[in-house]
C-alpha cells in the first residue's frame, strides 16, 4: 500500500509538472480606455461615505482619550485621614 501511495503521488507530481504552462498576459487589454459610468461613481461615493461615517467616531473617541489623559495628569492627589 505504501508503494501505491508513493507511485500515485509521483504520478500526480509528474503530470502537474508536464502539463503546467506559463500564463501570458493579453497585450490587447493595455490599449483600451475604460470610462466609468455614473453608477460606478455613485458606488465609489457611497464607499467614501461609509468610510467617513466610520472615521468620525474614531476621531471623537481619540479626542476624548487625549482629553481624559490630560485631565488626569492635572489632578493632584489629596491625603485622606484614616478614622480609627
C-alpha atoms as a PDB file:
ATOM      1  CA  UNK A   1       0.000   0.000   0.000  1.00  0.00           C
ATOM      2  CA  UNK A   2       2.860   2.370   0.776  1.00  0.00           C
ATOM      3  CA  UNK A   3       4.290   1.800  -2.719  1.00  0.00           C
ATOM      4  CA  UNK A   4       0.900   2.517  -4.250  1.00  0.00           C
ATOM      5  CA  UNK A   5       0.652   5.870  -2.451  1.00  0.00           C
ATOM      6  CA  UNK A   6       4.138   6.955  -3.456  1.00  0.00           C
ATOM      7  CA  UNK A   7       3.556   5.965  -7.089  1.00  0.00           C
ATOM      8  CA  UNK A   8       0.294   7.895  -7.108  1.00  0.00           C
ATOM      9  CA  UNK A   9       1.980  10.927  -5.613  1.00  0.00           C
ATOM     10  CA  UNK A  10       4.874  10.653  -8.055  1.00  0.00           C
ATOM     11  CA  UNK A  11       2.477  10.313 -10.992  1.00  0.00           C
ATOM     12  CA  UNK A  12       0.410  13.317  -9.930  1.00  0.00           C
ATOM     13  CA  UNK A  13       3.526  15.419  -9.433  1.00  0.00           C
ATOM     14  CA  UNK A  14       4.923  14.423 -12.837  1.00  0.00           C
ATOM     15  CA  UNK A  15       1.582  15.109 -14.542  1.00  0.00           C
ATOM     16  CA  UNK A  16       1.273  18.570 -12.978  1.00  0.00           C
ATOM     17  CA  UNK A  17       4.828  19.499 -13.944  1.00  0.00           C
ATOM     18  CA  UNK A  18       4.438  18.294 -17.526  1.00  0.00           C
ATOM     19  CA  UNK A  19       1.107  19.997 -18.147  1.00  0.00           C
ATOM     20  CA  UNK A  20       1.977  23.294 -16.428  1.00  0.00           C
ATOM     21  CA  UNK A  21       2.444  26.207 -18.809  1.00  0.00           C
ATOM     22  CA  UNK A  22       3.175  29.857 -18.318  1.00  0.00           C
ATOM     23  CA  UNK A  23       0.252  32.273 -18.236  1.00  0.00           C
ATOM     24  CA  UNK A  24       0.757  35.134 -20.639  1.00  0.00           C
ATOM     25  CA  UNK A  25      -0.942  38.498 -20.200  1.00  0.00           C
ATOM     26  CA  UNK A  26      -3.046  39.678 -23.080  1.00  0.00           C
ATOM     27  CA  UNK A  27      -1.439  42.690 -24.753  1.00  0.00           C
ATOM     28  CA  UNK A  28      -4.810  43.806 -26.145  1.00  0.00           C
ATOM     29  CA  UNK A  29      -6.067  44.969 -22.739  1.00  0.00           C
ATOM     30  CA  UNK A  30      -3.367  47.639 -22.365  1.00  0.00           C
ATOM     31  CA  UNK A  31      -4.580  49.925 -25.133  1.00  0.00           C
ATOM     32  CA  UNK A  32      -8.218  50.192 -24.026  1.00  0.00           C
ATOM     33  CA  UNK A  33      -9.542  53.210 -22.178  1.00  0.00           C
ATOM     34  CA  UNK A  34     -12.137  52.275 -19.592  1.00  0.00           C
ATOM     35  CA  UNK A  35     -14.591  55.089 -18.921  1.00  0.00           C
ATOM     36  CA  UNK A  36     -16.547  54.809 -15.690  1.00  0.00           C
ATOM     37  CA  UNK A  37     -20.253  55.351 -15.923  1.00  0.00           C
ATOM     38  CA  UNK A  38     -22.301  57.307 -13.392  1.00  0.00           C
ATOM     39  CA  UNK A  39     -23.266  54.163 -11.466  1.00  0.00           C
ATOM     40  CA  UNK A  40     -19.603  53.424 -10.738  1.00  0.00           C
ATOM     41  CA  UNK A  41     -19.101  56.960  -9.473  1.00  0.00           C
ATOM     42  CA  UNK A  42     -22.193  56.702  -7.258  1.00  0.00           C
ATOM     43  CA  UNK A  43     -20.895  53.412  -5.853  1.00  0.00           C
ATOM     44  CA  UNK A  44     -17.477  54.912  -5.107  1.00  0.00           C
ATOM     45  CA  UNK A  45     -19.149  57.915  -3.456  1.00  0.00           C
ATOM     46  CA  UNK A  46     -21.174  55.562  -1.270  1.00  0.00           C
ATOM     47  CA  UNK A  47     -17.989  53.716  -0.284  1.00  0.00           C
ATOM     48  CA  UNK A  48     -16.354  57.028   0.655  1.00  0.00           C
ATOM     49  CA  UNK A  49     -19.440  57.948   2.703  1.00  0.00           C
ATOM     50  CA  UNK A  50     -19.211  54.662   4.628  1.00  0.00           C
ATOM     51  CA  UNK A  51     -15.509  55.234   5.358  1.00  0.00           C
ATOM     52  CA  UNK A  52     -16.131  58.796   6.585  1.00  0.00           C
ATOM     53  CA  UNK A  53     -19.047  57.616   8.748  1.00  0.00           C
ATOM     54  CA  UNK A  54     -16.703  55.141  10.441  1.00  0.00           C
ATOM     55  CA  UNK A  55     -13.833  57.614  10.874  1.00  0.00           C
ATOM     56  CA  UNK A  56     -15.881  60.281  12.695  1.00  0.00           C
ATOM     57  CA  UNK A  57     -16.486  58.190  15.883  1.00  0.00           C
ATOM     58  CA  UNK A  58     -12.817  57.177  15.892  1.00  0.00           C
ATOM     59  CA  UNK A  59     -11.715  60.806  15.900  1.00  0.00           C
ATOM     60  CA  UNK A  60     -14.209  61.682  18.654  1.00  0.00           C
ATOM     61  CA  UNK A  61     -13.002  58.757  20.795  1.00  0.00           C
ATOM     62  CA  UNK A  62      -9.369  59.716  20.224  1.00  0.00           C
ATOM     63  CA  UNK A  63     -10.001  63.311  21.328  1.00  0.00           C
ATOM     64  CA  UNK A  64     -11.891  62.030  24.387  1.00  0.00           C
ATOM     65  CA  UNK A  65      -8.992  59.758  25.347  1.00  0.00           C
ATOM     66  CA  UNK A  66      -6.470  62.586  24.947  1.00  0.00           C
ATOM     67  CA  UNK A  67      -8.653  64.943  26.970  1.00  0.00           C
ATOM     68  CA  UNK A  68      -9.091  62.314  29.703  1.00  0.00           C
ATOM     69  CA  UNK A  69      -5.350  61.653  29.867  1.00  0.00           C
ATOM     70  CA  UNK A  70      -4.630  65.381  30.067  1.00  0.00           C
ATOM     71  CA  UNK A  71      -7.203  65.947  32.822  1.00  0.00           C
ATOM     72  CA  UNK A  72      -5.942  63.032  34.914  1.00  0.00           C
ATOM     73  CA  UNK A  73      -2.399  64.436  34.913  1.00  0.00           C
ATOM     74  CA  UNK A  74      -3.529  67.829  36.213  1.00  0.00           C
ATOM     75  CA  UNK A  75      -5.290  66.465  39.296  1.00  0.00           C
ATOM     76  CA  UNK A  76      -3.208  66.410  42.465  1.00  0.00           C
ATOM     77  CA  UNK A  77      -3.903  63.505  44.799  1.00  0.00           C
ATOM     78  CA  UNK A  78      -5.130  64.558  48.235  1.00  0.00           C
ATOM     79  CA  UNK A  79      -4.245  62.942  51.529  1.00  0.00           C
ATOM     80  CA  UNK A  80      -7.052  61.106  53.271  1.00  0.00           C
ATOM     81  CA  UNK A  81      -7.135  60.746  57.039  1.00  0.00           C
ATOM     82  CA  UNK A  82      -7.946  57.346  58.387  1.00  0.00           C
ATOM     83  CA  UNK A  83     -10.556  57.430  61.151  1.00  0.00           C
ATOM     84  CA  UNK A  84      -9.535  54.724  63.599  1.00  0.00           C
END
